[in-house]
């Protein structure tokens, strides 16, 4: 659906690649940073903060409907997707650490 919205708002279809690619790039960085955050702040806090941030970053993406400037839309989409990627990477690491803790407890019994 997003490629159609991007074209409808006056952006080039190739922008869809940037929109998807920035998420993957930031997801990788977020995984590395998330590992450190899990060690410092704990897996529960990182998972909740990551999931909450991902949800709130859909608000600016949804707000592009009321914007007219194509450059403003492009910046907001890229920044929101980058933040989603960072926090999704961190949340994924936190979830994996939680699963690891659960399976290690079962093996010890």
C-alpha atoms as a PDB file:
ATOM      1  CA  UNK A   1       0.000   0.000   0.000  1.00  0.00           C
ATOM      2  CA  UNK A   2       2.808   2.402   0.816  1.00  0.00           C
ATOM      3  CA  UNK A   3       4.159   2.593  -2.776  1.00  0.00           C
ATOM      4  CA  UNK A   4       0.753   3.827  -3.928  1.00  0.00           C
ATOM      5  CA  UNK A   5       0.630   6.458  -1.182  1.00  0.00           C
ATOM      6  CA  UNK A   6       4.148   7.588  -2.041  1.00  0.00           C
ATOM      7  CA  UNK A   7       3.285   8.073  -5.722  1.00  0.00           C
ATOM      8  CA  UNK A   8      -0.025   9.740  -4.831  1.00  0.00           C
ATOM      9  CA  UNK A   9       1.824  12.302  -2.696  1.00  0.00           C
ATOM     10  CA  UNK A  10       4.109  13.272  -5.574  1.00  0.00           C
ATOM     11  CA  UNK A  11       7.220  11.300  -4.698  1.00  0.00           C
ATOM     12  CA  UNK A  12       9.050   9.071  -7.152  1.00  0.00           C
ATOM     13  CA  UNK A  13       8.268   5.336  -7.038  1.00  0.00           C
ATOM     14  CA  UNK A  14      11.950   4.667  -6.316  1.00  0.00           C
ATOM     15  CA  UNK A  15      11.451   6.348  -2.938  1.00  0.00           C
ATOM     16  CA  UNK A  16       9.717   3.138  -1.834  1.00  0.00           C
ATOM     17  CA  UNK A  17      13.116   1.470  -1.880  1.00  0.00           C
ATOM     18  CA  UNK A  18      14.519   4.094   0.456  1.00  0.00           C
ATOM     19  CA  UNK A  19      11.484   3.739   2.690  1.00  0.00           C
ATOM     20  CA  UNK A  20      12.013  -0.016   3.038  1.00  0.00           C
ATOM     21  CA  UNK A  21      15.812   0.057   3.012  1.00  0.00           C
ATOM     22  CA  UNK A  22      16.211   2.598   5.802  1.00  0.00           C
ATOM     23  CA  UNK A  23      14.261   0.293   8.102  1.00  0.00           C
ATOM     24  CA  UNK A  24      16.584  -2.637   7.427  1.00  0.00           C
ATOM     25  CA  UNK A  25      19.719  -0.570   7.862  1.00  0.00           C
ATOM     26  CA  UNK A  26      18.543   0.946  11.129  1.00  0.00           C
ATOM     27  CA  UNK A  27      17.252  -2.441  12.313  1.00  0.00           C
ATOM     28  CA  UNK A  28      20.808  -3.779  12.095  1.00  0.00           C
ATOM     29  CA  UNK A  29      22.227  -0.841  14.034  1.00  0.00           C
ATOM     30  CA  UNK A  30      19.365  -1.064  16.538  1.00  0.00           C
ATOM     31  CA  UNK A  31      20.192  -4.698  17.213  1.00  0.00           C
ATOM     32  CA  UNK A  32      23.747  -3.834  18.197  1.00  0.00           C
ATOM     33  CA  UNK A  33      22.691  -0.866  20.314  1.00  0.00           C
ATOM     34  CA  UNK A  34      19.808  -2.880  21.748  1.00  0.00           C
ATOM     35  CA  UNK A  35      22.202  -5.533  23.010  1.00  0.00           C
ATOM     36  CA  UNK A  36      24.023  -2.944  25.079  1.00  0.00           C
ATOM     37  CA  UNK A  37      20.738  -1.439  26.285  1.00  0.00           C
ATOM     38  CA  UNK A  38      19.519  -4.861  27.409  1.00  0.00           C
ATOM     39  CA  UNK A  39      22.664  -5.298  29.485  1.00  0.00           C
ATOM     40  CA  UNK A  40      22.416  -1.828  31.027  1.00  0.00           C
ATOM     41  CA  UNK A  41      18.639  -1.380  31.466  1.00  0.00           C
ATOM     42  CA  UNK A  42      17.212  -4.893  31.370  1.00  0.00           C
ATOM     43  CA  UNK A  43      15.283  -6.820  28.750  1.00  0.00           C
ATOM     44  CA  UNK A  44      11.790  -5.889  29.942  1.00  0.00           C
ATOM     45  CA  UNK A  45      12.382  -2.151  29.766  1.00  0.00           C
ATOM     46  CA  UNK A  46      13.997  -2.349  26.334  1.00  0.00           C
ATOM     47  CA  UNK A  47      11.188  -4.510  24.949  1.00  0.00           C
ATOM     48  CA  UNK A  48       8.437  -2.237  26.274  1.00  0.00           C
ATOM     49  CA  UNK A  49      10.206   0.962  25.215  1.00  0.00           C
ATOM     50  CA  UNK A  50      10.950  -0.450  21.761  1.00  0.00           C
ATOM     51  CA  UNK A  51       7.425  -1.668  21.158  1.00  0.00           C
ATOM     52  CA  UNK A  52       5.905   1.583  22.382  1.00  0.00           C
ATOM     53  CA  UNK A  53       8.184   3.693  20.207  1.00  0.00           C
ATOM     54  CA  UNK A  54       7.417   1.586  17.140  1.00  0.00           C
ATOM     55  CA  UNK A  55       3.704   2.138  17.726  1.00  0.00           C
ATOM     56  CA  UNK A  56       4.064   5.895  18.213  1.00  0.00           C
ATOM     57  CA  UNK A  57       6.138   6.258  15.044  1.00  0.00           C
ATOM     58  CA  UNK A  58       3.066   5.258  13.039  1.00  0.00           C
ATOM     59  CA  UNK A  59       1.467   8.585  14.039  1.00  0.00           C
ATOM     60  CA  UNK A  60       3.702  10.767  11.829  1.00  0.00           C
ATOM     61  CA  UNK A  61       3.394   8.235   9.019  1.00  0.00           C
ATOM     62  CA  UNK A  62      -0.375   8.512   9.294  1.00  0.00           C
ATOM     63  CA  UNK A  63      -0.166  12.308   9.366  1.00  0.00           C
ATOM     64  CA  UNK A  64       1.253  12.534   5.842  1.00  0.00           C
ATOM     65  CA  UNK A  65      -2.303  12.616   4.571  1.00  0.00           C
ATOM     66  CA  UNK A  66      -2.685  16.237   5.658  1.00  0.00           C
ATOM     67  CA  UNK A  67       0.684  17.413   4.310  1.00  0.00           C
ATOM     68  CA  UNK A  68       1.171  18.946   0.888  1.00  0.00           C
ATOM     69  CA  UNK A  69       4.927  19.330   0.517  1.00  0.00           C
ATOM     70  CA  UNK A  70       6.573  16.267  -1.058  1.00  0.00           C
ATOM     71  CA  UNK A  71       9.938  17.039   0.526  1.00  0.00           C
ATOM     72  CA  UNK A  72       8.354  17.349   3.968  1.00  0.00           C
ATOM     73  CA  UNK A  73       6.584  14.026   3.478  1.00  0.00           C
ATOM     74  CA  UNK A  74       9.824  12.355   2.387  1.00  0.00           C
ATOM     75  CA  UNK A  75      11.730  13.560   5.435  1.00  0.00           C
ATOM     76  CA  UNK A  76       8.994  12.545   7.860  1.00  0.00           C
ATOM     77  CA  UNK A  77       8.633   9.105   6.292  1.00  0.00           C
ATOM     78  CA  UNK A  78      12.372   8.435   6.362  1.00  0.00           C
ATOM     79  CA  UNK A  79      12.884   9.676   9.916  1.00  0.00           C
ATOM     80  CA  UNK A  80       9.882   7.746  11.254  1.00  0.00           C
ATOM     81  CA  UNK A  81      10.986   4.538   9.502  1.00  0.00           C
ATOM     82  CA  UNK A  82      14.554   4.989  10.747  1.00  0.00           C
ATOM     83  CA  UNK A  83      13.353   5.330  14.339  1.00  0.00           C
ATOM     84  CA  UNK A  84      11.085   2.316  13.866  1.00  0.00           C
ATOM     85  CA  UNK A  85      14.031   0.307  12.559  1.00  0.00           C
ATOM     86  CA  UNK A  86      16.274   1.258  15.472  1.00  0.00           C
ATOM     87  CA  UNK A  87      13.682   0.428  18.085  1.00  0.00           C
ATOM     88  CA  UNK A  88      12.550  -2.760  16.328  1.00  0.00           C
ATOM     89  CA  UNK A  89      16.136  -4.008  16.313  1.00  0.00           C
ATOM     90  CA  UNK A  90      16.487  -3.283  20.016  1.00  0.00           C
ATOM     91  CA  UNK A  91      13.135  -4.908  20.807  1.00  0.00           C
ATOM     92  CA  UNK A  92      14.097  -8.009  18.823  1.00  0.00           C
ATOM     93  CA  UNK A  93      17.269  -8.430  20.840  1.00  0.00           C
ATOM     94  CA  UNK A  94      15.326  -8.005  24.082  1.00  0.00           C
ATOM     95  CA  UNK A  95      12.772 -10.612  22.983  1.00  0.00           C
ATOM     96  CA  UNK A  96      15.523 -13.066  22.057  1.00  0.00           C
ATOM     97  CA  UNK A  97      17.196 -12.592  25.428  1.00  0.00           C
ATOM     98  CA  UNK A  98      13.848 -13.260  27.125  1.00  0.00           C
ATOM     99  CA  UNK A  99      13.419 -16.487  25.161  1.00  0.00           C
ATOM    100  CA  UNK A 100      16.959 -17.520  25.979  1.00  0.00           C
ATOM    101  CA  UNK A 101      16.301 -16.965  29.680  1.00  0.00           C
ATOM    102  CA  UNK A 102      13.147 -19.074  29.486  1.00  0.00           C
ATOM    103  CA  UNK A 103      14.810 -21.993  27.722  1.00  0.00           C
ATOM    104  CA  UNK A 104      17.826 -21.958  30.028  1.00  0.00           C
ATOM    105  CA  UNK A 105      15.512 -22.215  33.040  1.00  0.00           C
ATOM    106  CA  UNK A 106      13.812 -25.268  31.517  1.00  0.00           C
ATOM    107  CA  UNK A 107      17.125 -27.033  30.839  1.00  0.00           C
ATOM    108  CA  UNK A 108      18.296 -26.484  34.415  1.00  0.00           C
ATOM    109  CA  UNK A 109      15.299 -28.363  35.836  1.00  0.00           C
END
